[in-house]
Every structure is written in C-alpha cells, then in structure tokens.
Protein backbone atom coordinates (compact mmCIF):
# COMPACT_ATOMS: atom_id res chain seq x y z
CA MET A 1 -53.43 -30.30 5.69
CA SER A 2 -55.07 -27.06 6.72
CA VAL A 3 -54.68 -25.80 10.27
CA LEU A 4 -57.32 -23.85 12.17
CA HIS A 5 -56.21 -20.44 13.43
CA VAL A 6 -57.90 -17.97 15.74
CA VAL A 7 -58.06 -14.50 14.18
CA PHE A 8 -57.80 -11.40 16.35
CA LYS A 9 -57.47 -7.71 15.62
CA VAL A 10 -55.12 -5.15 17.11
CA ASP A 11 -55.32 -1.59 15.81
CA GLY A 12 -57.13 -2.71 12.65
CA ALA A 13 -54.51 -5.32 11.69
CA GLU A 14 -55.40 -9.01 11.71
CA TYR A 15 -53.25 -11.57 13.48
CA VAL A 16 -53.59 -15.32 13.91
CA LEU A 17 -52.57 -17.98 16.40
CA PRO A 18 -52.93 -21.73 15.85
CA ALA A 19 -56.27 -22.73 17.37
CA ALA A 20 -54.55 -25.73 18.99
CA ASP A 21 -52.64 -23.30 21.26
CA VAL A 22 -55.75 -21.30 22.22
CA LEU A 23 -57.65 -22.55 25.25
CA GLN A 24 -60.45 -20.00 25.10
CA MET A 25 -61.42 -16.41 24.44
CA GLU A 26 -62.89 -14.32 27.21
CA SER A 27 -64.49 -10.90 27.40
CA PHE A 28 -62.16 -8.40 29.07
CA THR A 29 -63.62 -6.86 32.18
CA GLY A 30 -60.36 -5.54 33.58
CA ALA A 31 -57.21 -6.95 35.13
CA THR A 32 -55.62 -6.65 38.56
CA PRO A 33 -52.43 -4.61 38.15
CA VAL A 34 -49.17 -6.23 39.20
CA PRO A 35 -46.70 -3.91 40.96
CA GLY A 36 -43.41 -3.61 39.10
CA ALA A 37 -44.65 -5.55 36.07
CA ALA A 38 -43.46 -4.63 32.59
CA PRO A 39 -45.55 -1.88 30.92
CA HIS A 40 -47.11 -4.35 28.48
CA VAL A 41 -48.45 -6.57 31.28
CA ALA A 42 -52.09 -5.57 31.78
CA GLY A 43 -52.23 -7.53 35.03
CA LEU A 44 -53.81 -10.72 36.31
CA VAL A 45 -57.23 -12.14 35.49
CA GLN A 46 -59.07 -15.17 36.77
CA VAL A 47 -60.20 -17.58 34.08
CA ARG A 48 -62.11 -20.69 35.13
CA GLY A 49 -60.49 -20.71 38.54
CA ARG A 50 -56.95 -20.06 37.29
CA VAL A 51 -55.10 -16.81 37.77
CA ILE A 52 -53.21 -15.91 34.60
CA PRO A 53 -51.08 -12.97 33.48
CA VAL A 54 -52.45 -10.88 30.62
CA VAL A 55 -50.21 -9.19 28.07
CA ASP A 56 -51.70 -6.11 26.40
CA ALA A 57 -51.04 -6.63 22.67
CA ARG A 58 -51.39 -2.89 21.94
CA ALA A 59 -48.75 -1.99 24.54
CA ARG A 60 -46.51 -4.86 23.42
CA PHE A 61 -46.72 -3.76 19.78
CA GLY A 62 -45.95 -0.14 20.73
CA LEU A 63 -49.44 1.13 19.88
CA PRO A 64 -51.35 3.82 21.75
CA PRO A 65 -53.84 2.61 24.35
CA VAL A 66 -57.54 2.76 23.51
CA GLU A 67 -60.70 2.67 25.55
CA ARG A 68 -61.60 -1.00 25.89
CA SER A 69 -64.95 -1.97 24.40
CA LEU A 70 -67.38 -4.86 24.47
CA ASP A 71 -65.32 -6.33 21.61
CA SER A 72 -62.11 -6.46 23.69
CA ARG A 73 -61.06 -10.04 24.25
CA VAL A 74 -58.46 -11.97 26.18
CA VAL A 75 -57.15 -14.78 23.98
CA VAL A 76 -56.01 -17.40 26.48
CA ALA A 77 -53.24 -19.56 25.07
CA GLN A 78 -51.01 -22.30 26.37
CA LEU A 79 -47.26 -22.33 25.95
CA GLY A 80 -45.81 -25.50 27.41
CA ASP A 81 -47.08 -25.52 31.00
CA ARG A 82 -47.71 -21.76 31.04
CA VAL A 83 -51.09 -20.21 30.37
CA VAL A 84 -51.08 -16.56 29.32
CA GLY A 85 -53.79 -14.21 28.10
CA LEU A 86 -53.29 -11.77 25.25
CA LEU A 87 -55.52 -8.70 25.41
CA VAL A 88 -56.68 -7.80 21.89
CA ASP A 89 -59.16 -5.34 20.36
CA SER A 90 -61.44 -8.11 19.09
CA ALA A 91 -61.42 -11.84 18.35
CA ARG A 92 -64.35 -13.71 16.92
CA GLU A 93 -63.24 -15.71 13.93
CA VAL A 94 -61.53 -18.98 13.17
CA LEU A 95 -59.78 -19.43 9.84
CA LYS A 96 -58.34 -22.46 8.04
CA LEU A 97 -54.87 -21.84 6.66
CA GLU A 98 -52.89 -24.18 4.45
CA PRO A 99 -49.20 -24.39 5.44
CA GLN A 100 -48.18 -23.10 1.98
CA GLN A 101 -50.26 -19.94 2.55
CA LEU A 102 -47.90 -18.91 5.35
CA ARG A 103 -44.90 -17.05 3.97
CA PRO A 104 -41.96 -15.43 5.74
CA PRO A 105 -42.71 -11.77 6.48
CA PRO A 106 -40.91 -9.10 4.40
CA PRO A 107 -37.63 -7.87 6.00
CA LEU A 108 -39.16 -4.48 6.83
CA VAL A 109 -41.92 -6.20 8.81
CA VAL A 110 -39.36 -8.38 10.61
CA GLU A 111 -37.39 -5.32 11.74
CA GLY A 112 -40.39 -3.14 12.58
CA ALA A 113 -42.28 -5.85 14.43
CA HIS A 114 -39.38 -6.88 16.71
CA GLY A 115 -39.76 -10.49 15.55
CA PHE A 116 -43.35 -10.64 16.80
CA VAL A 117 -44.60 -11.63 13.33
CA LYS A 118 -43.51 -15.12 12.29
CA ALA A 119 -45.32 -15.38 8.96
CA VAL A 120 -47.92 -13.66 6.78
CA ALA A 121 -50.74 -15.21 4.80
CA GLN A 122 -52.93 -13.85 2.04
CA VAL A 123 -56.57 -14.86 2.60
CA GLY A 124 -58.55 -13.47 -0.32
CA PRO A 125 -58.20 -9.69 -0.05
CA ARG A 126 -57.00 -9.92 3.56
CA LEU A 127 -53.51 -10.20 4.93
CA VAL A 128 -53.15 -11.96 8.28
CA MET A 129 -50.00 -12.18 10.37
CA LEU A 130 -49.02 -15.24 12.40
CA ILE A 131 -47.55 -14.02 15.67
CA ASP A 132 -44.63 -15.59 17.47
CA PHE A 133 -46.55 -16.13 20.70
CA PRO A 134 -43.56 -16.98 22.94
CA ARG A 135 -41.80 -13.80 21.81
CA VAL A 136 -44.92 -11.66 22.19
CA ILE A 137 -45.61 -12.79 25.74
CA GLY A 138 -41.89 -12.87 26.63
CA GLU A 139 -40.37 -14.54 29.65
CA GLU A 140 -40.55 -11.21 31.45
CA THR A 141 -44.31 -11.53 31.93
CA LEU A 142 -43.64 -13.68 34.98
CA ASP A 143 -40.86 -11.86 36.84
CA GLY A 144 -41.69 -8.34 35.66
CA ASP A 145 -38.11 -7.07 35.63
CA GLY A 146 -37.47 -7.47 31.90
CA GLN A 147 -34.54 -9.81 32.39
CA ARG A 148 -34.33 -12.90 30.22
C-alpha cells in the first residue's frame, strides 16, 4: 500500500516526511528568536493560534544560511503531542511511495547525515530521503540547552 509523503527541498536535495505526520505547510515570514535556544532553532511562530518552535533544517543539517525567499516554508508536523515546524527552502509536492521503494541509506550517508536520514527512495530519476523527524527536531528544541 503506497503512503503519501510531503516533499521538501533543503539546499537542492529532496527530503520526504509521511503526509500523515504533517499538519500543514506555511509560508515563512520570520520567527521570534528564543534566548539561549540551540543554534538550529529558528525561533517561535504562531500557526492557527498555536505557538510552535521552528527548527531550521539548513542549520540542523550543517548547511550555510541563505536569504529566505517566497518559496521558504515551515512544514508543521506532529510528533506525539508535540507540534514542531521545520523551516525548509521549499515544499510544494506530495508523492506516493511504496514501502519497498524505501531502502536503508548507504553507510556513508548514515555517518555524514548524523542519522537524520532514515531511508532513501528512487523516484524515476530523483532520489528522495526520508528524514528521521524525531532526531532532526531533537528533544533539545524545547529546553534549548542541548541536553537529552
């Protein structure tokens, strides 16, 4: 049975999250900085009356910052009872993936990506990476001190 995934781009690479975990995608108009937060925490945004932390995917993946554009999106996802936004370069596609399309990432990717990439899938000429959302957002997004 195929599963819908939301596709988003960070630094030209394509990543996916199961659509069932994604609540919505919002344009990024800026975030309120949080004093003492980890460097990858962009800050807080208000989404439909809720204040949620936003993790900057570029910062989290160790990529250089870029000027945000009209394409920048916050992918708002739910993890248990937590709602967290992931700031990405763009997100505007939904893709159906069959479970057998998802393969374990090569060892080099596992090491280089700090475990952020859970699986890779070939979709025609494209390669998309399934992120490990809990690991990407990390427990430190709430307390800001990096302790787990």
